[in-house]
Amino acid sequence: MQFKYRLLKAIDIAGLQILDPVVRLAYREEPKVQLKRIGLFIVIPTLTFIAFIGLWAWLAPLHTTKAGEVPTPKVVWQAAKGIWRFHERENTKSDDFSLGGQARIDALAAVDKRIGELEPQAQAANTAADAAETASRTHLAEALAPLNKAYSAKRREFADAVKARQTSLLELSQSVQPGDTTGAKKLLEAVTANATQSAAEAAEIQQLREKRKAVEDHKDPALAQARATSNALEEELQFLRKRHDLLSTGNNTLRLDELATKLAETKTVLASAATPAERLALSQSIIAQEDALTQAKATTYSRPWTLPDQIGRSLRCMFLGFIIASCVAIPLGLLCGLSRVVMAALTPLISLFKPVSPIVWLPIIFIIVGGFIPDPSNSAILNFFNAVPGFTGISVNPAFLASAVTVALCSLWPTLVNTALGVAAVDKDHMNVAKVLRLGVVARLFKIIIPSALPLIFAGLRISLGVGWMVLIAAELLSSSEGIGKFVWDMFNNGSSQTFAQMFVVVFVVGIIGLILDRIMIVFQRLVSFDGAPTSL
């Protein structure tokens, strides 16, 4: 039983009350009540999510954009797997670049073996795809033939009808004499009828065009499957051929061995050089070769950014902005809560700057940060951040810092306001006890005020973290800082159906990460809460 209550306490602290009835049901505590709670908190949300997926799968193909159909859940899942596969392959190529010894030989042999297996499969898949495309074109031509025939016939029919009506209208117009009111009325009625008939004929022609377009736009499932199989094999072959290059001619370890061997040979020749001119030339050559060897040792594989890498960079940028915001907001909030004068002084500034959009802040911050970093290649600020543990390897640049500061400016307000509210709401009895004990300002601050205000401070931090995560995507998108926002912008500019699906993947990635961050802040908030106030589900 003791374990049960510990588990329930952990669930409560984590803010995962949806698991509370499951644990209680496992211990046979009021089964009917717990089953009802499970239905309310687990079954109904699950069914709602399933209904959402089903509605999405049904509605998505009904709407077509310039990037193709709206991707279905299945297509988005395939895009997610493709993103992860690309990330893993880039990691593999990065490892191959510096692999040496027997491990490199074994990897090269495995790659060559796999290439030998895939080449005939890829050739057969390409042949099958060509055959499927030929069959699809034949079927399309057969389906379009009657529609094209009907379309051409209607065009000719309507063209002849228009000519006939125009001739009739001209004759009727010539028959109307000046002052003939009845004839003029008949002419007007005939012109109106002609316009109505022409509109009806144009609508019928448009319907035929739409039917042809629907047939032309229809995707042959067999062709799509054949092309997908062929493309997957070709993509893997391309990856393996690149690996072959990185394990052979493009391998950095082999290059280092070659440079080291050449340097040793040159030093050996220098020892036996006969003339001063020859020794001077060999010495200069040795210096050049040592420089080349040093550069080769520092060389790394030039890999593109992948979405998991960009997620890591975005999280670091967001946390940097969050830390800056917290360092500014908490002290200011303490001052506002402790002093009515400070609160009155800062209230107009808070009211003025709190609603400002990150889209407005970012260009201003970008210019200001650029003023502090005139030469990004030789900046003490950037060198400092690139040397900080956790930031090494992510190429901190002015765009990264501008995004972080923008996150800070947009996310500090909830923490500032909640901190001020928490400090102002400290129980007066606590403050009276502090006076009786003759606690100093510092002791009163750290023993009475801050502990009492911690629940509201963490509530503000939780809101600020969520705001910062939302603001970050827009900031990265505008600043072109490598991160999730940059990924979305690149996919948007690409404009293909594949990148359209990858943008949907980002929606779920951002949502899941935001949910995890919120859960983490709930844990901290519950750990410092004294009133046992419930959190969200």
Protein backbone atom coordinates (compact mmCIF):
# COMPACT_ATOMS: atom_id res chain seq x y z
CA MET A 1 0.00 0.00 0.00
CA GLN A 2 2.88 2.33 0.73
CA PHE A 3 4.09 1.90 -2.85
CA LYS A 4 0.60 2.76 -4.09
CA TYR A 5 0.54 6.10 -2.30
CA ARG A 6 4.07 6.91 -3.40
CA LEU A 7 3.06 6.21 -6.99
CA LEU A 8 -0.08 8.35 -6.67
CA LYS A 9 2.01 11.14 -5.18
CA ALA A 10 4.47 10.94 -8.09
CA ILE A 11 1.58 11.03 -10.57
CA ASP A 12 0.13 14.07 -8.79
CA ILE A 13 3.47 15.91 -8.82
CA ALA A 14 3.95 15.15 -12.53
CA GLY A 15 0.48 16.50 -13.29
CA LEU A 16 -0.55 13.20 -14.90
CA GLN A 17 -3.89 12.77 -13.16
CA ILE A 18 -5.16 10.72 -16.10
CA LEU A 19 -3.11 7.82 -14.70
CA ASP A 20 -4.57 8.16 -11.19
CA PRO A 21 -7.70 6.00 -11.85
CA VAL A 22 -5.57 3.34 -13.58
CA VAL A 23 -3.42 2.91 -10.47
CA ARG A 24 -6.41 2.92 -8.16
CA LEU A 25 -8.21 0.37 -10.32
CA ALA A 26 -5.14 -1.88 -10.23
CA TYR A 27 -5.45 -1.84 -6.42
CA ARG A 28 -9.24 -2.52 -6.68
CA GLU A 29 -10.19 0.80 -5.12
CA GLU A 30 -13.83 1.57 -6.07
CA PRO A 31 -13.68 -0.17 -9.48
CA LYS A 32 -16.89 1.40 -10.81
CA VAL A 33 -15.75 4.92 -9.98
CA GLN A 34 -12.30 4.34 -11.47
CA LEU A 35 -13.72 2.82 -14.66
CA LYS A 36 -15.91 5.88 -15.05
CA ARG A 37 -12.88 8.16 -14.59
CA ILE A 38 -10.85 6.08 -17.07
CA GLY A 39 -13.65 6.46 -19.59
CA LEU A 40 -13.75 10.20 -19.02
CA PHE A 41 -10.01 10.93 -18.99
CA ILE A 42 -8.58 8.24 -21.29
CA VAL A 43 -11.21 6.53 -23.47
CA ILE A 44 -13.08 9.65 -24.60
CA PRO A 45 -9.91 11.65 -25.47
CA THR A 46 -8.51 8.61 -27.31
CA LEU A 47 -11.69 8.18 -29.33
CA THR A 48 -11.71 11.92 -30.06
CA PHE A 49 -8.14 11.74 -31.37
CA ILE A 50 -9.01 8.71 -33.52
CA ALA A 51 -12.02 10.60 -34.89
CA PHE A 52 -9.75 13.56 -35.65
CA ILE A 53 -7.34 11.32 -37.58
CA GLY A 54 -10.23 9.75 -39.49
CA LEU A 55 -11.74 13.14 -40.36
CA TRP A 56 -8.32 14.37 -41.48
CA ALA A 57 -7.81 11.29 -43.67
CA TRP A 58 -11.24 11.84 -45.25
CA LEU A 59 -11.02 15.60 -45.82
CA ALA A 60 -7.36 15.87 -46.92
CA PRO A 61 -7.73 14.39 -50.44
CA LEU A 62 -10.76 16.61 -51.13
CA HIS A 63 -8.66 19.78 -51.27
CA THR A 64 -5.88 20.39 -53.78
CA THR A 65 -3.27 23.12 -53.49
CA LYS A 66 -0.41 24.28 -55.69
CA ALA A 67 1.77 21.81 -53.74
CA GLY A 68 -0.64 18.95 -54.43
CA GLU A 69 -3.24 17.34 -52.22
CA VAL A 70 -3.27 18.02 -48.50
CA PRO A 71 -1.25 15.12 -47.04
CA THR A 72 -3.14 12.39 -45.22
CA PRO A 73 -2.00 10.98 -41.86
CA LYS A 74 -0.36 8.06 -43.68
CA VAL A 75 1.62 10.40 -45.94
CA VAL A 76 2.70 12.52 -42.96
CA TRP A 77 3.87 9.38 -41.13
CA GLN A 78 5.91 8.36 -44.18
CA ALA A 79 7.38 11.86 -44.30
CA ALA A 80 8.34 11.60 -40.63
CA LYS A 81 10.11 8.31 -41.27
CA GLY A 82 11.88 9.87 -44.26
CA ILE A 83 13.12 12.77 -42.10
CA TRP A 84 14.50 10.36 -39.49
CA ARG A 85 16.06 8.13 -42.17
CA PHE A 86 17.84 11.14 -43.68
CA HIS A 87 19.15 12.09 -40.22
CA GLU A 88 20.50 8.59 -39.55
CA ARG A 89 22.16 8.42 -42.95
CA GLU A 90 23.89 11.75 -42.43
CA ASN A 91 25.18 10.51 -39.08
CA THR A 92 26.47 7.36 -40.77
CA LYS A 93 28.27 9.35 -43.46
CA SER A 94 29.79 11.60 -40.82
CA ASP A 95 31.15 8.53 -39.02
CA ASP A 96 32.45 7.02 -42.28
CA PHE A 97 34.42 10.18 -43.03
CA SER A 98 36.73 9.65 -40.03
CA LEU A 99 36.57 5.85 -39.80
CA GLY A 100 39.89 4.05 -40.00
CA GLY A 101 41.66 0.75 -39.51
CA GLN A 102 39.91 -2.59 -39.79
CA ALA A 103 36.55 -0.99 -39.03
CA ARG A 104 36.80 1.06 -42.23
CA ILE A 105 37.75 -2.03 -44.28
CA ASP A 106 34.83 -4.04 -42.86
CA ALA A 107 32.39 -1.17 -43.45
CA LEU A 108 33.60 -0.73 -47.03
CA ALA A 109 33.18 -4.46 -47.71
CA ALA A 110 29.63 -4.38 -46.30
CA VAL A 111 28.77 -1.34 -48.43
CA ASP A 112 30.14 -2.94 -51.62
CA LYS A 113 28.20 -6.13 -50.88
CA ARG A 114 24.97 -4.19 -50.36
CA ILE A 115 25.52 -2.20 -53.56
CA GLY A 116 25.94 -5.46 -55.47
CA GLU A 117 22.63 -6.71 -54.05
CA LEU A 118 20.69 -3.53 -54.73
CA GLU A 119 21.82 -2.69 -58.28
CA PRO A 120 19.87 -5.51 -60.00
CA GLN A 121 16.87 -4.82 -57.76
CA ALA A 122 16.98 -1.13 -58.65
CA GLN A 123 17.26 -1.93 -62.35
CA ALA A 124 14.28 -4.31 -62.15
CA ALA A 125 12.26 -1.74 -60.16
CA ASN A 126 13.07 0.97 -62.71
CA THR A 127 11.97 -1.32 -65.55
CA ALA A 128 8.75 -2.10 -63.70
CA ALA A 129 8.14 1.62 -63.09
CA ASP A 130 8.64 2.38 -66.79
CA ALA A 131 6.19 -0.40 -67.70
CA ALA A 132 3.68 0.94 -65.16
CA GLU A 133 4.06 4.44 -66.60
CA THR A 134 3.49 3.16 -70.13
CA ALA A 135 0.38 1.29 -69.01
CA SER A 136 -0.84 4.37 -67.13
CA ARG A 137 -0.38 6.58 -70.19
CA THR A 138 -2.26 4.07 -72.34
CA HIS A 139 -5.11 3.93 -69.84
CA LEU A 140 -5.15 7.73 -69.59
CA ALA A 141 -5.32 8.07 -73.37
CA GLU A 142 -8.20 5.59 -73.50
CA ALA A 143 -10.04 7.46 -70.76
CA LEU A 144 -9.47 10.86 -72.37
CA ALA A 145 -10.39 9.82 -75.91
CA PRO A 146 -14.21 9.99 -75.51
CA LEU A 147 -13.94 13.17 -73.42
CA ASN A 148 -11.72 14.85 -76.03
CA LYS A 149 -14.09 13.75 -78.78
CA ALA A 150 -17.11 15.10 -76.90
CA TYR A 151 -15.23 18.31 -76.10
CA SER A 152 -14.26 18.89 -79.74
CA ALA A 153 -17.77 18.09 -80.94
CA LYS A 154 -19.32 20.50 -78.47
CA ARG A 155 -16.86 23.23 -79.41
CA ARG A 156 -17.77 22.88 -83.08
CA GLU A 157 -21.48 22.63 -82.31
CA PHE A 158 -21.47 25.71 -80.11
CA ALA A 159 -19.29 27.65 -82.57
CA ASP A 160 -21.80 26.95 -85.37
CA ALA A 161 -24.68 27.86 -83.06
CA VAL A 162 -23.00 31.16 -82.13
CA LYS A 163 -22.50 32.03 -85.80
CA ALA A 164 -26.12 31.19 -86.57
CA ARG A 165 -27.39 33.30 -83.69
CA GLN A 166 -25.14 36.21 -84.66
CA THR A 167 -26.45 36.05 -88.24
CA SER A 168 -30.03 35.96 -86.93
CA LEU A 169 -29.38 38.91 -84.64
CA LEU A 170 -27.82 40.90 -87.48
CA GLU A 171 -30.83 40.24 -89.71
CA LEU A 172 -33.21 41.16 -86.91
CA SER A 173 -31.25 44.34 -86.23
CA GLN A 174 -31.41 45.33 -89.92
CA SER A 175 -35.17 44.78 -89.96
CA VAL A 176 -35.79 47.23 -87.11
CA GLN A 177 -36.72 50.65 -88.44
CA PRO A 178 -36.16 53.96 -86.63
CA GLY A 179 -39.05 54.55 -84.23
CA ASP A 180 -40.07 50.84 -84.27
CA THR A 181 -40.49 50.27 -80.52
CA THR A 182 -41.83 46.74 -80.90
CA GLY A 183 -38.97 45.67 -83.17
CA ALA A 184 -36.40 47.19 -80.81
CA LYS A 185 -37.95 45.29 -77.91
CA LYS A 186 -37.78 42.02 -79.84
CA LEU A 187 -34.11 42.71 -80.69
CA LEU A 188 -33.29 43.33 -77.04
CA GLU A 189 -35.02 40.10 -76.02
CA ALA A 190 -33.11 38.20 -78.70
CA VAL A 191 -29.75 39.65 -77.55
CA THR A 192 -30.58 38.71 -73.95
CA ALA A 193 -31.53 35.18 -74.99
CA ASN A 194 -28.29 34.90 -76.99
CA ALA A 195 -26.22 35.97 -73.96
CA THR A 196 -28.03 33.45 -71.75
CA GLN A 197 -27.50 30.66 -74.25
CA SER A 198 -23.82 31.58 -74.70
CA ALA A 199 -23.32 31.46 -70.91
CA ALA A 200 -24.98 28.05 -70.73
CA GLU A 201 -22.78 26.75 -73.54
CA ALA A 202 -19.65 28.14 -71.87
CA ALA A 203 -20.66 26.42 -68.62
CA GLU A 204 -21.11 23.12 -70.44
CA ILE A 205 -17.68 23.50 -72.07
CA GLN A 206 -16.17 24.25 -68.63
CA GLN A 207 -17.73 21.10 -67.21
CA LEU A 208 -16.13 19.06 -69.97
CA ARG A 209 -12.76 20.70 -69.24
CA GLU A 210 -13.10 19.89 -65.54
CA LYS A 211 -13.90 16.28 -66.36
CA ARG A 212 -10.79 16.07 -68.53
CA LYS A 213 -8.68 17.69 -65.81
CA ALA A 214 -10.04 15.27 -63.20
CA VAL A 215 -9.04 12.32 -65.37
CA GLU A 216 -5.60 13.84 -66.06
CA ASP A 217 -4.99 14.59 -62.37
CA HIS A 218 -6.02 11.14 -61.21
CA LYS A 219 -3.04 9.29 -59.78
CA ASP A 220 -2.55 5.70 -60.81
CA PRO A 221 -1.94 3.71 -57.57
CA ALA A 222 0.10 1.06 -59.39
CA LEU A 223 2.35 3.70 -60.98
CA ALA A 224 2.74 5.56 -57.68
CA GLN A 225 3.73 2.34 -55.91
CA ALA A 226 6.18 1.37 -58.65
CA ARG A 227 7.79 4.81 -58.64
CA ALA A 228 8.01 4.83 -54.85
CA THR A 229 9.77 1.45 -54.87
CA SER A 230 12.17 2.54 -57.61
CA ASN A 231 12.91 5.87 -55.90
CA ALA A 232 13.54 4.19 -52.55
CA LEU A 233 16.06 1.80 -54.08
CA GLU A 234 17.78 4.56 -56.04
CA GLU A 235 17.93 6.72 -52.92
CA GLU A 236 19.55 3.91 -50.94
CA LEU A 237 22.00 3.24 -53.77
CA GLN A 238 22.98 6.90 -53.87
CA PHE A 239 23.54 6.81 -50.11
CA LEU A 240 25.67 3.67 -50.36
CA ARG A 241 27.77 5.09 -53.21
CA LYS A 242 28.43 8.18 -51.13
CA ARG A 243 29.45 5.93 -48.26
CA HIS A 244 31.79 4.07 -50.60
CA ASP A 245 33.49 7.36 -51.48
CA LEU A 246 33.77 8.38 -47.83
CA LEU A 247 35.27 5.02 -46.93
CA SER A 248 37.78 5.06 -49.78
CA THR A 249 38.98 8.08 -51.74
CA GLY A 250 37.18 10.64 -49.54
CA ASN A 251 38.15 9.15 -46.19
CA ASN A 252 39.88 11.63 -43.90
CA THR A 253 41.82 8.95 -41.99
CA LEU A 254 43.34 7.67 -45.23
CA ARG A 255 44.24 11.22 -46.16
CA LEU A 256 45.90 11.78 -42.77
CA ASP A 257 47.92 8.57 -43.19
CA GLU A 258 48.95 9.63 -46.68
CA LEU A 259 50.03 13.10 -45.52
CA ALA A 260 51.88 11.66 -42.52
CA THR A 261 53.72 9.15 -44.74
CA LYS A 262 54.64 11.83 -47.23
CA LEU A 263 55.89 14.08 -44.41
CA ALA A 264 58.05 11.30 -42.97
CA GLU A 265 59.54 10.59 -46.41
CA THR A 266 60.34 14.27 -46.91
CA LYS A 267 62.08 14.42 -43.51
CA THR A 268 64.10 11.35 -44.45
CA VAL A 269 65.15 12.96 -47.73
CA LEU A 270 66.04 16.16 -45.84
CA ALA A 271 68.47 14.25 -43.64
CA SER A 272 70.43 13.11 -46.69
CA ALA A 273 70.16 16.32 -48.75
CA ALA A 274 73.50 17.24 -50.35
CA THR A 275 73.23 20.98 -51.12
CA PRO A 276 72.03 23.96 -49.06
CA ALA A 277 69.47 24.90 -51.72
CA GLU A 278 68.00 21.41 -51.64
CA ARG A 279 67.82 21.44 -47.82
CA LEU A 280 66.08 24.84 -47.89
CA ALA A 281 63.53 23.66 -50.43
CA LEU A 282 62.84 20.47 -48.46
CA SER A 283 62.47 22.44 -45.21
CA GLN A 284 59.90 24.73 -46.80
CA SER A 285 58.08 21.69 -48.16
CA ILE A 286 58.01 20.12 -44.69
CA ILE A 287 56.46 23.29 -43.21
CA ALA A 288 53.77 23.27 -45.92
CA GLN A 289 53.07 19.57 -45.37
CA GLU A 290 52.80 20.04 -41.59
CA ASP A 291 50.27 22.84 -42.16
CA ALA A 292 48.31 20.58 -44.50
CA LEU A 293 48.38 17.79 -41.91
CA THR A 294 47.15 20.15 -39.18
CA GLN A 295 44.30 21.35 -41.39
CA ALA A 296 43.36 17.78 -42.29
CA LYS A 297 43.17 16.84 -38.59
CA ALA A 298 40.75 19.72 -38.01
CA THR A 299 38.62 18.82 -41.04
CA THR A 300 35.14 17.45 -40.33
CA TYR A 301 32.44 16.07 -42.59
CA SER A 302 30.36 18.89 -44.05
CA ARG A 303 26.89 17.56 -43.29
CA PRO A 304 23.65 19.40 -43.93
CA TRP A 305 21.34 20.34 -41.10
CA THR A 306 18.71 17.69 -40.36
CA LEU A 307 15.46 18.28 -38.49
CA PRO A 308 16.64 16.54 -35.27
CA ASP A 309 19.76 18.74 -35.33
CA GLN A 310 17.62 21.81 -35.89
CA ILE A 311 15.33 20.80 -33.03
CA GLY A 312 18.34 20.61 -30.72
CA ARG A 313 19.53 24.03 -31.86
CA SER A 314 16.04 25.51 -31.41
CA LEU A 315 15.80 24.13 -27.88
CA ARG A 316 19.16 25.66 -26.97
CA CYS A 317 18.10 29.00 -28.44
CA MET A 318 14.80 28.91 -26.58
CA PHE A 319 16.42 28.00 -23.25
CA LEU A 320 18.99 30.78 -23.66
CA GLY A 321 16.17 33.27 -24.22
CA PHE A 322 14.21 31.75 -21.33
CA ILE A 323 17.19 32.10 -18.98
CA ILE A 324 17.71 35.73 -20.04
CA ALA A 325 14.00 36.44 -19.52
CA SER A 326 14.01 34.78 -16.09
CA CYS A 327 17.13 36.67 -14.99
CA VAL A 328 15.40 39.94 -15.90
CA ALA A 329 11.81 39.17 -14.93
CA ILE A 330 12.28 37.61 -11.47
CA PRO A 331 14.35 40.46 -9.94
CA LEU A 332 12.06 43.07 -11.47
CA GLY A 333 9.02 41.15 -10.24
CA LEU A 334 10.47 41.03 -6.74
CA LEU A 335 11.03 44.78 -6.80
CA CYS A 336 7.51 45.42 -8.10
CA GLY A 337 6.00 43.20 -5.42
CA LEU A 338 8.02 44.79 -2.64
CA SER A 339 7.66 48.43 -3.67
CA ARG A 340 4.51 50.18 -4.79
CA VAL A 341 6.68 52.94 -6.22
CA VAL A 342 8.56 50.50 -8.50
CA MET A 343 5.26 48.86 -9.49
CA ALA A 344 3.78 52.25 -10.40
CA ALA A 345 6.91 53.17 -12.35
CA LEU A 346 7.08 49.93 -14.35
CA THR A 347 3.37 49.37 -14.99
CA PRO A 348 3.23 51.73 -18.02
CA LEU A 349 6.30 50.06 -19.56
CA ILE A 350 4.85 46.58 -18.98
CA SER A 351 1.53 47.61 -20.50
CA LEU A 352 3.31 49.21 -23.47
CA PHE A 353 5.76 46.45 -24.41
CA LYS A 354 3.86 43.32 -23.40
CA PRO A 355 1.60 43.21 -26.54
CA VAL A 356 4.45 43.82 -29.02
CA SER A 357 4.74 41.00 -31.55
CA PRO A 358 8.02 39.10 -32.06
CA ILE A 359 7.81 40.07 -35.74
CA VAL A 360 8.29 43.69 -34.65
CA TRP A 361 11.02 42.95 -32.11
CA LEU A 362 13.19 40.69 -34.28
CA PRO A 363 14.40 43.19 -36.94
CA ILE A 364 15.23 45.71 -34.20
CA ILE A 365 17.09 43.15 -32.11
CA PHE A 366 18.87 41.79 -35.18
CA ILE A 367 20.24 45.25 -35.99
CA ILE A 368 21.28 45.88 -32.37
CA VAL A 369 22.99 42.48 -32.04
CA GLY A 370 24.74 43.11 -35.36
CA GLY A 371 26.12 46.32 -33.90
CA PHE A 372 27.79 44.37 -31.10
CA ILE A 373 29.14 41.79 -33.57
CA PRO A 374 30.54 43.68 -36.59
CA ASP A 375 32.79 40.74 -37.56
CA PRO A 376 31.11 37.38 -36.83
CA SER A 377 34.25 35.47 -37.83
CA ASN A 378 36.25 37.17 -35.05
CA SER A 379 33.82 37.99 -32.25
CA ALA A 380 34.55 37.48 -28.57
CA ILE A 381 30.81 37.16 -27.87
CA LEU A 382 30.31 34.37 -30.39
CA ASN A 383 33.52 32.65 -29.34
CA PHE A 384 32.32 32.70 -25.73
CA PHE A 385 28.96 31.08 -26.55
CA ASN A 386 30.54 28.54 -28.91
CA ALA A 387 32.85 27.48 -26.05
CA VAL A 388 30.02 27.09 -23.49
CA PRO A 389 29.15 23.41 -22.84
CA GLY A 390 25.89 22.59 -24.57
CA PHE A 391 26.42 25.21 -27.29
CA THR A 392 29.52 23.72 -28.91
CA GLY A 393 28.93 22.40 -32.39
CA ILE A 394 25.76 24.37 -33.15
CA SER A 395 27.47 27.40 -34.73
CA VAL A 396 26.16 30.24 -32.58
CA ASN A 397 25.81 33.29 -34.85
CA PRO A 398 24.12 36.72 -34.71
CA ALA A 399 20.83 35.25 -35.97
CA PHE A 400 20.88 32.72 -33.10
CA LEU A 401 21.47 35.44 -30.48
CA ALA A 402 18.86 37.74 -32.04
CA SER A 403 16.29 34.93 -31.90
CA ALA A 404 17.18 34.20 -28.26
CA VAL A 405 16.86 37.86 -27.23
CA THR A 406 13.52 38.10 -29.09
CA VAL A 407 12.29 35.05 -27.16
CA ALA A 408 13.42 36.74 -23.94
CA LEU A 409 11.62 40.02 -24.72
CA CYS A 410 8.37 38.27 -25.58
CA SER A 411 8.37 35.71 -22.75
CA LEU A 412 9.53 37.67 -19.70
CA TRP A 413 6.19 39.37 -19.01
CA PRO A 414 4.23 36.42 -17.52
CA THR A 415 7.09 35.67 -15.12
CA LEU A 416 7.45 39.34 -14.16
CA VAL A 417 3.73 39.79 -13.48
CA ASN A 418 3.33 36.49 -11.60
CA THR A 419 6.43 37.17 -9.50
CA ALA A 420 5.12 40.60 -8.52
CA LEU A 421 1.71 39.10 -7.71
CA GLY A 422 3.29 36.32 -5.65
CA VAL A 423 5.44 38.71 -3.64
CA ALA A 424 2.55 41.11 -3.05
CA ALA A 425 0.37 38.22 -1.88
CA VAL A 426 2.78 37.01 0.83
CA ASP A 427 0.84 36.42 4.05
CA LYS A 428 1.13 39.45 6.34
CA ASP A 429 1.52 37.13 9.33
CA HIS A 430 4.76 35.83 7.80
CA MET A 431 6.07 39.36 7.43
CA ASN A 432 5.09 40.15 11.04
CA VAL A 433 6.99 37.08 12.24
CA ALA A 434 10.03 38.28 10.27
CA LYS A 435 9.80 41.64 12.05
CA VAL A 436 9.53 39.95 15.45
CA LEU A 437 12.59 37.83 14.67
CA ARG A 438 14.35 40.97 13.43
CA LEU A 439 15.32 39.37 10.14
CA GLY A 440 17.36 41.53 7.81
CA VAL A 441 16.30 42.42 4.29
CA VAL A 442 18.30 39.61 2.69
CA ALA A 443 17.16 36.99 5.20
CA ARG A 444 13.56 38.16 4.88
CA LEU A 445 13.83 37.95 1.09
CA PHE A 446 15.29 34.43 0.94
CA LYS A 447 13.51 32.89 3.94
CA ILE A 448 10.05 34.41 3.73
CA ILE A 449 9.26 36.24 0.51
CA ILE A 450 10.76 34.05 -2.22
CA PRO A 451 9.65 30.69 -0.71
CA SER A 452 6.10 32.02 -0.29
CA ALA A 453 6.04 33.39 -3.85
CA LEU A 454 7.61 30.33 -5.51
CA PRO A 455 4.32 28.69 -6.62
CA LEU A 456 3.26 31.81 -8.54
CA ILE A 457 6.80 32.39 -9.83
CA PHE A 458 6.87 28.91 -11.32
CA ALA A 459 3.37 29.40 -12.73
CA GLY A 460 4.74 32.44 -14.54
CA LEU A 461 7.84 30.54 -15.67
CA ARG A 462 5.60 27.82 -17.09
CA ILE A 463 3.63 30.34 -19.12
CA SER A 464 6.83 32.08 -20.23
CA LEU A 465 8.33 28.81 -21.42
CA GLY A 466 5.26 28.12 -23.55
CA VAL A 467 5.29 31.64 -24.97
CA GLY A 468 9.01 31.41 -25.70
CA TRP A 469 8.58 28.13 -27.57
CA MET A 470 5.86 29.64 -29.76
CA VAL A 471 7.79 32.86 -30.39
CA LEU A 472 10.98 30.99 -31.29
CA ILE A 473 9.58 29.43 -34.47
CA ALA A 474 8.57 32.80 -35.90
CA ALA A 475 11.90 34.34 -34.86
CA GLU A 476 13.92 31.60 -36.56
CA LEU A 477 11.76 31.80 -39.66
CA LEU A 478 12.38 35.53 -40.05
CA SER A 479 16.05 35.52 -39.03
CA SER A 480 16.97 32.41 -41.08
CA SER A 481 18.62 30.98 -37.97
CA GLU A 482 19.11 27.24 -38.40
CA GLY A 483 16.28 25.70 -36.42
CA ILE A 484 12.72 24.47 -36.73
CA GLY A 485 11.54 27.82 -38.15
CA LYS A 486 14.23 27.72 -40.85
CA PHE A 487 13.21 24.15 -41.70
CA VAL A 488 9.57 25.22 -42.15
CA TRP A 489 10.60 28.17 -44.33
CA ASP A 490 12.80 25.98 -46.55
CA MET A 491 10.01 23.44 -46.96
CA PHE A 492 7.54 26.19 -47.82
CA ASN A 493 9.85 27.62 -50.48
CA ASN A 494 10.39 24.17 -51.97
CA GLY A 495 6.67 23.86 -52.63
CA SER A 496 6.53 20.11 -53.38
CA SER A 497 4.01 17.64 -52.00
CA GLN A 498 6.78 15.90 -50.05
CA THR A 499 7.88 19.07 -48.27
CA PHE A 500 4.22 19.94 -47.66
CA ALA A 501 3.92 16.69 -45.70
CA GLN A 502 7.13 17.46 -43.81
CA MET A 503 5.60 20.76 -42.66
CA PHE A 504 2.80 18.74 -41.09
CA VAL A 505 5.43 16.64 -39.33
CA VAL A 506 6.82 19.83 -37.79
CA VAL A 507 3.36 20.70 -36.43
CA PHE A 508 3.32 17.50 -34.38
CA VAL A 509 6.99 17.81 -33.40
CA VAL A 510 6.48 21.34 -32.07
CA GLY A 511 3.31 20.28 -30.26
CA ILE A 512 4.89 17.22 -28.63
CA ILE A 513 7.98 19.15 -27.51
CA GLY A 514 5.76 21.93 -26.14
CA LEU A 515 3.73 19.33 -24.23
CA ILE A 516 6.90 17.78 -22.74
CA LEU A 517 8.24 21.20 -21.70
CA ASP A 518 4.91 22.03 -20.09
CA ARG A 519 4.93 18.72 -18.16
CA ILE A 520 8.44 19.45 -16.90
CA MET A 521 7.41 22.87 -15.64
CA ILE A 522 4.34 21.32 -13.98
CA VAL A 523 6.64 19.03 -12.00
CA PHE A 524 8.69 21.99 -10.76
CA GLN A 525 5.55 23.97 -10.04
CA ARG A 526 4.04 21.13 -8.00
CA LEU A 527 7.27 20.59 -6.08
CA VAL A 528 7.15 24.14 -4.73
CA SER A 529 3.37 24.33 -4.24
CA PHE A 530 2.07 24.18 -0.69
CA ASP A 531 -1.66 24.36 -1.26
CA GLY A 532 -2.02 21.15 -3.31
CA ALA A 533 -3.77 23.07 -6.05
CA PRO A 534 -4.65 20.78 -8.99
CA THR A 535 -2.91 21.18 -12.31
CA SER A 536 -4.26 20.65 -15.78
CA LEU A 537 -4.63 17.13 -17.09
